[in-house]
Amino acid sequence: MKYLRFPFKLKSSKTLTVEFDKPVSILVFVDGQFQRYKEGASCKYFGGPQKDSPYVVKLPGGYKYNMVIELGKYDKKAVNPRIELVGNAKAPQPTLDPVLAELEAILGED
């Protein structure tokens, strides 16, 4: 499978925005879960197939992340991903994805 990987670490909560030109799957893993993904094992992530750009999600701080964009039948130039991490605690944030809420529970976030 063709994919792009973007590892990063957050000290504080930030909002991740990914814009794209073609339908893709966007998967955001905590570090250990990405290893399971690479091995083909079951893993937890948030995101999934995306048809409409942009994909926006709030990420809790204090973790290493791996964001994967599965390209499917497209190449990087056709998808043309644009990624932005913005932290602004006072700005209204999007509703948390239910899978993110489960991930926070697993990781011990309140």
PDB file of N, CA and C in Angstrom:
ATOM      1  N   MET A   1       0.841  -1.184   0.000  1.00  0.00           N
ATOM      2  CA  MET A   1       0.000   0.000   0.000  1.00  0.00           C
ATOM      3  C   MET A   1       0.888   1.249   0.000  1.00  0.00           C
ATOM      4  N   LYS A   2       0.511   2.209  -0.818  1.00  0.00           N
ATOM      5  CA  LYS A   2       1.240   3.475  -0.865  1.00  0.00           C
ATOM      6  C   LYS A   2       0.674   4.404   0.197  1.00  0.00           C
ATOM      7  N   TYR A   3       1.578   4.991   0.978  1.00  0.00           N
ATOM      8  CA  TYR A   3       1.128   5.972   1.961  1.00  0.00           C
ATOM      9  C   TYR A   3       2.235   6.971   2.246  1.00  0.00           C
ATOM     10  N   LEU A   4       1.825   8.115   2.777  1.00  0.00           N
ATOM     11  CA  LEU A   4       2.750   9.134   3.256  1.00  0.00           C
ATOM     12  C   LEU A   4       2.693   9.096   4.776  1.00  0.00           C
ATOM     13  N   ARG A   5       3.828   9.229   5.434  1.00  0.00           N
ATOM     14  CA  ARG A   5       3.875   9.203   6.901  1.00  0.00           C
ATOM     15  C   ARG A   5       4.461  10.514   7.405  1.00  0.00           C
ATOM     16  N   PHE A   6       3.821  11.064   8.438  1.00  0.00           N
ATOM     17  CA  PHE A   6       4.263  12.305   9.048  1.00  0.00           C
ATOM     18  C   PHE A   6       4.331  12.108  10.560  1.00  0.00           C
ATOM     19  N   PRO A   7       5.513  11.804  11.110  1.00  0.00           N
ATOM     20  CA  PRO A   7       5.630  11.672  12.567  1.00  0.00           C
ATOM     21  C   PRO A   7       5.784  13.050  13.212  1.00  0.00           C
ATOM     22  N   PHE A   8       5.182  13.223  14.394  1.00  0.00           N
ATOM     23  CA  PHE A   8       5.331  14.474  15.130  1.00  0.00           C
ATOM     24  C   PHE A   8       5.008  14.238  16.595  1.00  0.00           C
ATOM     25  N   LYS A   9       5.455  15.159  17.438  1.00  0.00           N
ATOM     26  CA  LYS A   9       5.195  15.081  18.878  1.00  0.00           C
ATOM     27  C   LYS A   9       4.555  16.398  19.310  1.00  0.00           C
ATOM     28  N   LEU A  10       3.552  16.291  20.169  1.00  0.00           N
ATOM     29  CA  LEU A  10       2.885  17.489  20.674  1.00  0.00           C
ATOM     30  C   LEU A  10       3.118  17.625  22.167  1.00  0.00           C
ATOM     31  N   LYS A  11       3.538  18.803  22.591  1.00  0.00           N
ATOM     32  CA  LYS A  11       3.649  19.106  24.013  1.00  0.00           C
ATOM     33  C   LYS A  11       2.324  19.597  24.570  1.00  0.00           C
ATOM     34  N   SER A  12       1.537  20.248  23.728  1.00  0.00           N
ATOM     35  CA  SER A  12       0.225  20.749  24.141  1.00  0.00           C
ATOM     36  C   SER A  12      -0.797  20.413  23.062  1.00  0.00           C
ATOM     37  N   SER A  13      -2.069  20.489  23.408  1.00  0.00           N
ATOM     38  CA  SER A  13      -3.138  20.176  22.463  1.00  0.00           C
ATOM     39  C   SER A  13      -3.081  21.097  21.253  1.00  0.00           C
ATOM     40  N   LYS A  14      -3.349  20.521  20.098  1.00  0.00           N
ATOM     41  CA  LYS A  14      -3.368  21.289  18.859  1.00  0.00           C
ATOM     42  C   LYS A  14      -4.455  20.736  17.952  1.00  0.00           C
ATOM     43  N   THR A  15      -4.847  21.541  17.001  1.00  0.00           N
ATOM     44  CA  THR A  15      -5.809  21.114  15.997  1.00  0.00           C
ATOM     45  C   THR A  15      -5.042  20.786  14.720  1.00  0.00           C
ATOM     46  N   LEU A  16      -5.258  19.571  14.216  1.00  0.00           N
ATOM     47  CA  LEU A  16      -4.640  19.115  12.980  1.00  0.00           C
ATOM     48  C   LEU A  16      -5.633  19.319  11.848  1.00  0.00           C
ATOM     49  N   THR A  17      -5.183  19.979  10.793  1.00  0.00           N
ATOM     50  CA  THR A  17      -5.998  20.174   9.601  1.00  0.00           C
ATOM     51  C   THR A  17      -5.240  19.610   8.408  1.00  0.00           C
ATOM     52  N   VAL A  18      -5.898  18.757   7.649  1.00  0.00           N
ATOM     53  CA  VAL A  18      -5.291  18.183   6.451  1.00  0.00           C
ATOM     54  C   VAL A  18      -6.218  18.472   5.281  1.00  0.00           C
ATOM     55  N   GLU A  19      -5.694  19.182   4.289  1.00  0.00           N
ATOM     56  CA  GLU A  19      -6.429  19.444   3.055  1.00  0.00           C
ATOM     57  C   GLU A  19      -5.878  18.518   1.978  1.00  0.00           C
ATOM     58  N   PHE A  20      -6.736  18.100   1.052  1.00  0.00           N
ATOM     59  CA  PHE A  20      -6.324  17.168   0.013  1.00  0.00           C
ATOM     60  C   PHE A  20      -7.221  17.353  -1.204  1.00  0.00           C
ATOM     61  N   ASP A  21      -6.707  16.921  -2.370  1.00  0.00           N
ATOM     62  CA  ASP A  21      -7.429  17.114  -3.621  1.00  0.00           C
ATOM     63  C   ASP A  21      -8.176  15.876  -4.109  1.00  0.00           C
ATOM     64  N   LYS A  22      -7.824  14.695  -3.614  1.00  0.00           N
ATOM     65  CA  LYS A  22      -8.466  13.433  -4.009  1.00  0.00           C
ATOM     66  C   LYS A  22      -8.870  12.678  -2.747  1.00  0.00           C
ATOM     67  N   PRO A  23      -9.885  11.806  -2.812  1.00  0.00           N
ATOM     68  CA  PRO A  23     -10.259  11.016  -1.640  1.00  0.00           C
ATOM     69  C   PRO A  23      -9.088  10.159  -1.147  1.00  0.00           C
ATOM     70  N   VAL A  24      -8.878  10.169   0.152  1.00  0.00           N
ATOM     71  CA  VAL A  24      -7.790   9.414   0.780  1.00  0.00           C
ATOM     72  C   VAL A  24      -8.283   8.883   2.125  1.00  0.00           C
ATOM     73  N   SER A  25      -7.463   8.054   2.750  1.00  0.00           N
ATOM     74  CA  SER A  25      -7.693   7.678   4.139  1.00  0.00           C
ATOM     75  C   SER A  25      -6.638   8.387   4.969  1.00  0.00           C
ATOM     76  N   ILE A  26      -7.086   9.062   6.032  1.00  0.00           N
ATOM     77  CA  ILE A  26      -6.166   9.739   6.945  1.00  0.00           C
ATOM     78  C   ILE A  26      -6.281   9.031   8.282  1.00  0.00           C
ATOM     79  N   LEU A  27      -5.168   8.490   8.749  1.00  0.00           N
ATOM     80  CA  LEU A  27      -5.113   7.726   9.987  1.00  0.00           C
ATOM     81  C   LEU A  27      -4.104   8.388  10.915  1.00  0.00           C
ATOM     82  N   VAL A  28      -4.497   8.645  12.151  1.00  0.00           N
ATOM     83  CA  VAL A  28      -3.590   9.253  13.129  1.00  0.00           C
ATOM     84  C   VAL A  28      -3.432   8.253  14.267  1.00  0.00           C
ATOM     85  N   PHE A  29      -2.174   7.841  14.487  1.00  0.00           N
ATOM     86  CA  PHE A  29      -1.840   6.830  15.483  1.00  0.00           C
ATOM     87  C   PHE A  29      -0.977   7.425  16.590  1.00  0.00           C
ATOM     88  N   VAL A  30      -1.156   6.918  17.797  1.00  0.00           N
ATOM     89  CA  VAL A  30      -0.147   7.116  18.832  1.00  0.00           C
ATOM     90  C   VAL A  30       0.978   6.171  18.448  1.00  0.00           C
ATOM     91  N   ASP A  31       2.216   6.525  18.769  1.00  0.00           N
ATOM     92  CA  ASP A  31       3.408   5.837  18.280  1.00  0.00           C
ATOM     93  C   ASP A  31       3.317   4.312  18.273  1.00  0.00           C
ATOM     94  N   GLY A  32       2.975   3.677  19.369  1.00  0.00           N
ATOM     95  CA  GLY A  32       2.925   2.218  19.430  1.00  0.00           C
ATOM     96  C   GLY A  32       1.891   1.615  18.496  1.00  0.00           C
ATOM     97  N   GLN A  33       0.803   2.307  18.284  1.00  0.00           N
ATOM     98  CA  GLN A  33      -0.241   1.810  17.400  1.00  0.00           C
ATOM     99  C   GLN A  33       0.200   1.829  15.935  1.00  0.00           C
ATOM    100  N   PHE A  34       1.062   2.793  15.588  1.00  0.00           N
ATOM    101  CA  PHE A  34       1.563   2.838  14.211  1.00  0.00           C
ATOM    102  C   PHE A  34       2.377   1.589  13.908  1.00  0.00           C
ATOM    103  N   GLN A  35       3.169   1.131  14.858  1.00  0.00           N
ATOM    104  CA  GLN A  35       3.967  -0.089  14.662  1.00  0.00           C
ATOM    105  C   GLN A  35       3.052  -1.273  14.373  1.00  0.00           C
ATOM    106  N   ARG A  36       1.942  -1.372  15.093  1.00  0.00           N
ATOM    107  CA  ARG A  36       0.973  -2.449  14.863  1.00  0.00           C
ATOM    108  C   ARG A  36       0.391  -2.343  13.448  1.00  0.00           C
ATOM    109  N   TYR A  37       0.099  -1.123  13.008  1.00  0.00           N
ATOM    110  CA  TYR A  37      -0.413  -0.887  11.653  1.00  0.00           C
ATOM    111  C   TYR A  37       0.581  -1.409  10.619  1.00  0.00           C
ATOM    112  N   LYS A  38       1.867  -1.071  10.805  1.00  0.00           N
ATOM    113  CA  LYS A  38       2.902  -1.509   9.865  1.00  0.00           C
ATOM    114  C   LYS A  38       3.008  -3.030   9.819  1.00  0.00           C
ATOM    115  N   GLU A  39       2.768  -3.687  10.951  1.00  0.00           N
ATOM    116  CA  GLU A  39       2.859  -5.144  11.031  1.00  0.00           C
ATOM    117  C   GLU A  39       1.591  -5.830  10.520  1.00  0.00           C
ATOM    118  N   GLY A  40       0.546  -5.044  10.215  1.00  0.00           N
ATOM    119  CA  GLY A  40      -0.702  -5.615   9.746  1.00  0.00           C
ATOM    120  C   GLY A  40      -1.591  -6.138  10.864  1.00  0.00           C
ATOM    121  N   ALA A  41      -1.250  -5.801  12.117  1.00  0.00           N
ATOM    122  CA  ALA A  41      -2.037  -6.226  13.275  1.00  0.00           C
ATOM    123  C   ALA A  41      -3.198  -5.249  13.486  1.00  0.00           C
ATOM    124  N   SER A  42      -4.161  -5.665  14.306  1.00  0.00           N
ATOM    125  CA  SER A  42      -5.245  -4.741  14.631  1.00  0.00           C
ATOM    126  C   SER A  42      -4.664  -3.580  15.429  1.00  0.00           C
ATOM    127  N   CYS A  43      -5.209  -2.403  15.212  1.00  0.00           N
ATOM    128  CA  CYS A  43      -4.677  -1.213  15.885  1.00  0.00           C
ATOM    129  C   CYS A  43      -5.784  -0.191  16.045  1.00  0.00           C
ATOM    130  N   LYS A  44      -5.530   0.766  16.925  1.00  0.00           N
ATOM    131  CA  LYS A  44      -6.478   1.854  17.168  1.00  0.00           C
ATOM    132  C   LYS A  44      -5.917   3.124  16.547  1.00  0.00           C
ATOM    133  N   TYR A  45      -6.791   3.870  15.936  1.00  0.00           N
ATOM    134  CA  TYR A  45      -6.430   5.135  15.305  1.00  0.00           C
ATOM    135  C   TYR A  45      -7.692   5.966  15.218  1.00  0.00           C
ATOM    136  N   PHE A  46      -7.541   7.197  14.835  1.00  0.00           N
ATOM    137  CA  PHE A  46      -8.721   7.975  14.492  1.00  0.00           C
ATOM    138  C   PHE A  46      -8.529   8.550  13.116  1.00  0.00           C
ATOM    139  N   GLY A  47      -9.646   8.845  12.492  1.00  0.00           N
ATOM    140  CA  GLY A  47      -9.640   9.229  11.093  1.00  0.00           C
ATOM    141  C   GLY A  47     -10.310   8.128  10.300  1.00  0.00           C
ATOM    142  N   GLY A  48      -9.820   7.883   9.117  1.00  0.00           N
ATOM    143  CA  GLY A  48     -10.373   6.868   8.233  1.00  0.00           C
ATOM    144  C   GLY A  48     -10.567   7.449   6.844  1.00  0.00           C
ATOM    145  N   PRO A  49     -11.393   6.819   6.011  1.00  0.00           N
ATOM    146  CA  PRO A  49     -11.610   7.318   4.655  1.00  0.00           C
ATOM    147  C   PRO A  49     -12.205   8.729   4.666  1.00  0.00           C
ATOM    148  N   GLN A  50     -11.634   9.599   3.846  1.00  0.00           N
ATOM    149  CA  GLN A  50     -12.078  10.996   3.769  1.00  0.00           C
ATOM    150  C   GLN A  50     -12.380  11.351   2.318  1.00  0.00           C
ATOM    151  N   LYS A  51     -13.577  11.844   2.098  1.00  0.00           N
ATOM    152  CA  LYS A  51     -13.962  12.299   0.761  1.00  0.00           C
ATOM    153  C   LYS A  51     -13.889  13.811   0.653  1.00  0.00           C
ATOM    154  N   ASP A  52     -14.230  14.490   1.759  1.00  0.00           N
ATOM    155  CA  ASP A  52     -14.323  15.941   1.738  1.00  0.00           C
ATOM    156  C   ASP A  52     -13.154  16.581   2.478  1.00  0.00           C
ATOM    157  N   SER A  53     -12.512  17.509   1.833  1.00  0.00           N
ATOM    158  CA  SER A  53     -11.406  18.259   2.423  1.00  0.00           C
ATOM    159  C   SER A  53     -11.967  19.524   3.050  1.00  0.00           C
ATOM    160  N   PRO A  54     -11.446  19.965   4.187  1.00  0.00           N
ATOM    161  CA  PRO A  54     -10.338  19.414   4.966  1.00  0.00           C
ATOM    162  C   PRO A  54     -10.817  18.421   6.027  1.00  0.00           C
ATOM    163  N   TYR A  55      -9.883  17.616   6.507  1.00  0.00           N
ATOM    164  CA  TYR A  55     -10.094  16.762   7.671  1.00  0.00           C
ATOM    165  C   TYR A  55      -9.531  17.538   8.859  1.00  0.00           C
ATOM    166  N   VAL A  56     -10.328  17.693   9.924  1.00  0.00           N
ATOM    167  CA  VAL A  56      -9.915  18.482  11.089  1.00  0.00           C
ATOM    168  C   VAL A  56     -10.159  17.652  12.347  1.00  0.00           C
ATOM    169  N   VAL A  57      -9.160  17.610  13.237  1.00  0.00           N
ATOM    170  CA  VAL A  57      -9.310  16.886  14.497  1.00  0.00           C
ATOM    171  C   VAL A  57      -8.441  17.550  15.566  1.00  0.00           C
ATOM    172  N   LYS A  58      -8.926  17.576  16.799  1.00  0.00           N
ATOM    173  CA  LYS A  58      -8.158  18.108  17.926  1.00  0.00           C
ATOM    174  C   LYS A  58      -7.369  16.959  18.538  1.00  0.00           C
ATOM    175  N   LEU A  59      -6.068  17.175  18.750  1.00  0.00           N
ATOM    176  CA  LEU A  59      -5.182  16.159  19.319  1.00  0.00           C
ATOM    177  C   LEU A  59      -4.710  16.586  20.699  1.00  0.00           C
ATOM    178  N   PRO A  60      -4.764  15.690  21.675  1.00  0.00           N
ATOM    179  CA  PRO A  60      -4.245  16.024  22.997  1.00  0.00           C
ATOM    180  C   PRO A  60      -2.714  16.083  22.973  1.00  0.00           C
ATOM    181  N   GLY A  61      -2.146  16.919  23.822  1.00  0.00           N
ATOM    182  CA  GLY A  61      -0.697  17.052  23.899  1.00  0.00           C
ATOM    183  C   GLY A  61      -0.069  15.957  24.739  1.00  0.00           C
ATOM    184  N   GLY A  62       1.261  15.873  24.655  1.00  0.00           N
ATOM    185  CA  GLY A  62       2.017  14.930  25.465  1.00  0.00           C
ATOM    186  C   GLY A  62       2.249  13.580  24.825  1.00  0.00           C
ATOM    187  N   TYR A  63       2.029  13.467  23.527  1.00  0.00           N
ATOM    188  CA  TYR A  63       2.174  12.176  22.847  1.00  0.00           C
ATOM    189  C   TYR A  63       2.953  12.321  21.547  1.00  0.00           C
ATOM    190  N   LYS A  64       3.558  11.199  21.119  1.00  0.00           N
ATOM    191  CA  LYS A  64       4.135  11.095  19.789  1.00  0.00           C
ATOM    192  C   LYS A  64       3.053  10.539  18.880  1.00  0.00           C
ATOM    193  N   TYR A  65       2.918  11.141  17.714  1.00  0.00           N
ATOM    194  CA  TYR A  65       1.907  10.717  16.754  1.00  0.00           C
ATOM    195  C   TYR A  65       2.562  10.355  15.432  1.00  0.00           C
ATOM    196  N   ASN A  66       1.859   9.534  14.687  1.00  0.00           N
ATOM    197  CA  ASN A  66       2.189   9.252  13.297  1.00  0.00           C
ATOM    198  C   ASN A  66       0.913   9.438  12.506  1.00  0.00           C
ATOM    199  N   MET A  67       0.929  10.386  11.585  1.00  0.00           N
ATOM    200  CA  MET A  67      -0.207  10.560  10.701  1.00  0.00           C
ATOM    201  C   MET A  67       0.140   9.888   9.386  1.00  0.00           C
ATOM    202  N   VAL A  68      -0.781   9.080   8.898  1.00  0.00           N
ATOM    203  CA  VAL A  68      -0.600   8.370   7.642  1.00  0.00           C
ATOM    204  C   VAL A  68      -1.691   8.823   6.687  1.00  0.00           C
ATOM    205  N   ILE A  69      -1.295   9.146   5.482  1.00  0.00           N
ATOM    206  CA  ILE A  69      -2.252   9.413   4.409  1.00  0.00           C
ATOM    207  C   ILE A  69      -2.106   8.259   3.426  1.00  0.00           C
ATOM    208  N   GLU A  70      -3.120   7.384   3.393  1.00  0.00           N
ATOM    209  CA  GLU A  70      -3.114   6.273   2.442  1.00  0.00           C
ATOM    210  C   GLU A  70      -3.547   6.825   1.086  1.00  0.00           C
ATOM    211  N   LEU A  71      -2.694   6.674   0.095  1.00  0.00           N
ATOM    212  CA  LEU A  71      -2.920   7.306  -1.200  1.00  0.00           C
ATOM    213  C   LEU A  71      -3.867   6.528  -2.106  1.00  0.00           C
ATOM    214  N   GLY A  72      -4.087   5.252  -1.811  1.00  0.00           N
ATOM    215  CA  GLY A  72      -4.952   4.454  -2.685  1.00  0.00           C
ATOM    216  C   GLY A  72      -4.365   4.386  -4.085  1.00  0.00           C
ATOM    217  N   LYS A  73      -5.170   4.684  -5.081  1.00  0.00           N
ATOM    218  CA  LYS A  73      -4.719   4.601  -6.478  1.00  0.00           C
ATOM    219  C   LYS A  73      -4.002   5.865  -6.953  1.00  0.00           C
ATOM    220  N   TYR A  74      -3.919   6.890  -6.098  1.00  0.00           N
ATOM    221  CA  TYR A  74      -3.327   8.170  -6.503  1.00  0.00           C
ATOM    222  C   TYR A  74      -1.860   8.262  -6.095  1.00  0.00           C
ATOM    223  N   ASP A  75      -1.163   9.242  -6.650  1.00  0.00           N
ATOM    224  CA  ASP A  75       0.188   9.536  -6.196  1.00  0.00           C
ATOM    225  C   ASP A  75       0.159  10.838  -5.396  1.00  0.00           C
ATOM    226  N   LYS A  76       1.297  11.167  -4.797  1.00  0.00           N
ATOM    227  CA  LYS A  76       1.367  12.339  -3.918  1.00  0.00           C
ATOM    228  C   LYS A  76       0.975  13.623  -4.642  1.00  0.00           C
ATOM    229  N   LYS A  77       1.383  13.765  -5.895  1.00  0.00           N
ATOM    230  CA  LYS A  77       1.066  14.989  -6.634  1.00  0.00           C
ATOM    231  C   LYS A  77      -0.436  15.143  -6.860  1.00  0.00           C
ATOM    232  N   ALA A  78      -1.126  14.042  -7.101  1.00  0.00           N
ATOM    233  CA  ALA A  78      -2.571  14.114  -7.333  1.00  0.00           C
ATOM    234  C   ALA A  78      -3.318  14.450  -6.042  1.00  0.00           C
ATOM    235  N   VAL A  79      -2.835  13.912  -4.921  1.00  0.00           N
ATOM    236  CA  VAL A  79      -3.484  14.151  -3.627  1.00  0.00           C
ATOM    237  C   VAL A  79      -3.164  15.551  -3.122  1.00  0.00           C
ATOM    238  N   ASN A  80      -1.933  16.007  -3.338  1.00  0.00           N
ATOM    239  CA  ASN A  80      -1.489  17.349  -2.961  1.00  0.00           C
ATOM    240  C   ASN A  80      -1.835  17.691  -1.506  1.00  0.00           C
ATOM    241  N   PRO A  81      -1.330  16.897  -0.527  1.00  0.00           N
ATOM    242  CA  PRO A  81      -1.699  17.150   0.874  1.00  0.00           C
ATOM    243  C   PRO A  81      -1.101  18.435   1.424  1.00  0.00           C
ATOM    244  N   ARG A  82      -1.895  19.145   2.224  1.00  0.00           N
ATOM    245  CA  ARG A  82      -1.450  20.352   2.913  1.00  0.00           C
ATOM    246  C   ARG A  82      -1.817  20.167   4.383  1.00  0.00           C
ATOM    247  N   ILE A  83      -0.806  20.206   5.245  1.00  0.00           N
ATOM    248  CA  ILE A  83      -0.990  19.859   6.657  1.00  0.00           C
ATOM    249  C   ILE A  83      -0.668  21.058   7.527  1.00  0.00           C
ATOM    250  N   GLU A  84      -1.522  21.274   8.547  1.00  0.00           N
ATOM    251  CA  GLU A  84      -1.306  22.391   9.463  1.00  0.00           C
ATOM    252  C   GLU A  84      -1.652  21.943  10.878  1.00  0.00           C
ATOM    253  N   LEU A  85      -0.786  22.288  11.838  1.00  0.00           N
ATOM    254  CA  LEU A  85      -1.037  22.082  13.269  1.00  0.00           C
ATOM    255  C   LEU A  85      -1.143  23.445  13.908  1.00  0.00           C
ATOM    256  N   VAL A  86      -2.268  23.705  14.562  1.00  0.00           N
ATOM    257  CA  VAL A  86      -2.488  25.009  15.179  1.00  0.00           C
ATOM    258  C   VAL A  86      -2.943  24.796  16.613  1.00  0.00           C
ATOM    259  N   GLY A  87      -2.345  25.546  17.529  1.00  0.00           N
ATOM    260  CA  GLY A  87      -2.761  25.485  18.922  1.00  0.00           C
ATOM    261  C   GLY A  87      -3.329  26.811  19.356  1.00  0.00           C
ATOM    262  N   ASN A  88      -4.570  26.794  19.814  1.00  0.00           N
ATOM    263  CA  ASN A  88      -5.218  28.001  20.315  1.00  0.00           C
ATOM    264  C   ASN A  88      -6.324  27.557  21.252  1.00  0.00           C
ATOM    265  N   ALA A  89      -6.005  27.472  22.532  1.00  0.00           N
ATOM    266  CA  ALA A  89      -6.937  26.925  23.515  1.00  0.00           C
ATOM    267  C   ALA A  89      -8.225  27.736  23.612  1.00  0.00           C
ATOM    268  N   LYS A  90      -8.199  29.022  23.273  1.00  0.00           N
ATOM    269  CA  LYS A  90      -9.393  29.855  23.435  1.00  0.00           C
ATOM    270  C   LYS A  90     -10.317  29.818  22.227  1.00  0.00           C
ATOM    271  N   ALA A  91      -9.824  29.308  21.117  1.00  0.00           N
ATOM    272  CA  ALA A  91     -10.667  29.228  19.923  1.00  0.00           C
ATOM    273  C   ALA A  91     -11.615  28.042  20.050  1.00  0.00           C
ATOM    274  N   PRO A  92     -12.813  28.146  19.497  1.00  0.00           N
ATOM    275  CA  PRO A  92     -13.719  27.002  19.526  1.00  0.00           C
ATOM    276  C   PRO A  92     -13.103  25.834  18.765  1.00  0.00           C
ATOM    277  N   GLN A  93     -13.225  24.643  19.323  1.00  0.00           N
ATOM    278  CA  GLN A  93     -12.639  23.457  18.706  1.00  0.00           C
ATOM    279  C   GLN A  93     -13.753  22.579  18.151  1.00  0.00           C
ATOM    280  N   PRO A  94     -13.456  21.811  17.106  1.00  0.00           N
ATOM    281  CA  PRO A  94     -14.466  20.903  16.578  1.00  0.00           C
ATOM    282  C   PRO A  94     -14.798  19.819  17.599  1.00  0.00           C
ATOM    283  N   THR A  95     -15.979  19.244  17.481  1.00  0.00           N
ATOM    284  CA  THR A  95     -16.375  18.146  18.353  1.00  0.00           C
ATOM    285  C   THR A  95     -15.405  16.995  18.148  1.00  0.00           C
ATOM    286  N   LEU A  96     -14.996  16.364  19.241  1.00  0.00           N
ATOM    287  CA  LEU A  96     -14.063  15.253  19.141  1.00  0.00           C
ATOM    288  C   LEU A  96     -14.687  14.077  18.408  1.00  0.00           C
ATOM    289  N   ASP A  97     -13.904  13.490  17.535  1.00  0.00           N
ATOM    290  CA  ASP A  97     -14.274  12.259  16.867  1.00  0.00           C
ATOM    291  C   ASP A  97     -14.491  11.198  17.945  1.00  0.00           C
ATOM    292  N   PRO A  98     -15.539  10.363  17.866  1.00  0.00           N
ATOM    293  CA  PRO A  98     -15.770   9.357  18.905  1.00  0.00           C
ATOM    294  C   PRO A  98     -14.572   8.430  19.127  1.00  0.00           C
ATOM    295  N   VAL A  99     -13.832   8.117  18.057  1.00  0.00           N
ATOM    296  CA  VAL A  99     -12.666   7.256  18.213  1.00  0.00           C
ATOM    297  C   VAL A  99     -11.577   7.989  18.993  1.00  0.00           C
ATOM    298  N   LEU A 100     -11.442   9.310  18.804  1.00  0.00           N
ATOM    299  CA  LEU A 100     -10.478  10.088  19.566  1.00  0.00           C
ATOM    300  C   LEU A 100     -10.849  10.072  21.041  1.00  0.00           C
ATOM    301  N   ALA A 101     -12.131  10.194  21.354  1.00  0.00           N
ATOM    302  CA  ALA A 101     -12.563  10.143  22.737  1.00  0.00           C
ATOM    303  C   ALA A 101     -12.181   8.801  23.366  1.00  0.00           C
ATOM    304  N   GLU A 102     -12.339   7.705  22.609  1.00  0.00           N
ATOM    305  CA  GLU A 102     -11.944   6.393  23.100  1.00  0.00           C
ATOM    306  C   GLU A 102     -10.432   6.333  23.287  1.00  0.00           C
ATOM    307  N   LEU A 103      -9.675   6.889  22.347  1.00  0.00           N
ATOM    308  CA  LEU A 103      -8.217   6.910  22.456  1.00  0.00           C
ATOM    309  C   LEU A 103      -7.791   7.678  23.706  1.00  0.00           C
ATOM    310  N   GLU A 104      -8.403   8.826  23.964  1.00  0.00           N
ATOM    311  CA  GLU A 104      -8.069   9.582  25.162  1.00  0.00           C
ATOM    312  C   GLU A 104      -8.358   8.788  26.424  1.00  0.00           C
ATOM    313  N   ALA A 105      -9.438   8.017  26.424  1.00  0.00           N
ATOM    314  CA  ALA A 105      -9.772   7.184  27.583  1.00  0.00           C
ATOM    315  C   ALA A 105      -8.705   6.111  27.783  1.00  0.00           C
ATOM    316  N   ILE A 106      -8.242   5.511  26.701  1.00  0.00           N
ATOM    317  CA  ILE A 106      -7.208   4.476  26.778  1.00  0.00           C
ATOM    318  C   ILE A 106      -5.902   5.066  27.305  1.00  0.00           C
ATOM    319  N   LEU A 107      -5.580   6.289  26.860  1.00  0.00           N
ATOM    320  CA  LEU A 107      -4.319   6.911  27.242  1.00  0.00           C
ATOM    321  C   LEU A 107      -4.386   7.616  28.593  1.00  0.00           C
ATOM    322  N   GLY A 108      -5.554   7.646  29.217  1.00  0.00           N
ATOM    323  CA  GLY A 108      -5.678   8.225  30.545  1.00  0.00           C
ATOM    324  C   GLY A 108      -5.963   9.709  30.567  1.00  0.00           C
ATOM    325  N   GLU A 109      -6.423  10.277  29.442  1.00  0.00           N
ATOM    326  CA  GLU A 109      -6.784  11.699  29.421  1.00  0.00           C
ATOM    327  C   GLU A 109      -8.135  11.874  30.075  1.00  0.00           C
ATOM    328  N   ASP A 110      -8.351  12.985  30.738  1.00  0.00           N
ATOM    329  CA  ASP A 110      -9.646  13.282  31.330  1.00  0.00           C
ATOM    330  C   ASP A 110     -10.495  14.077  30.374  1.00  0.00           C
TER     331      ASP A 110
END
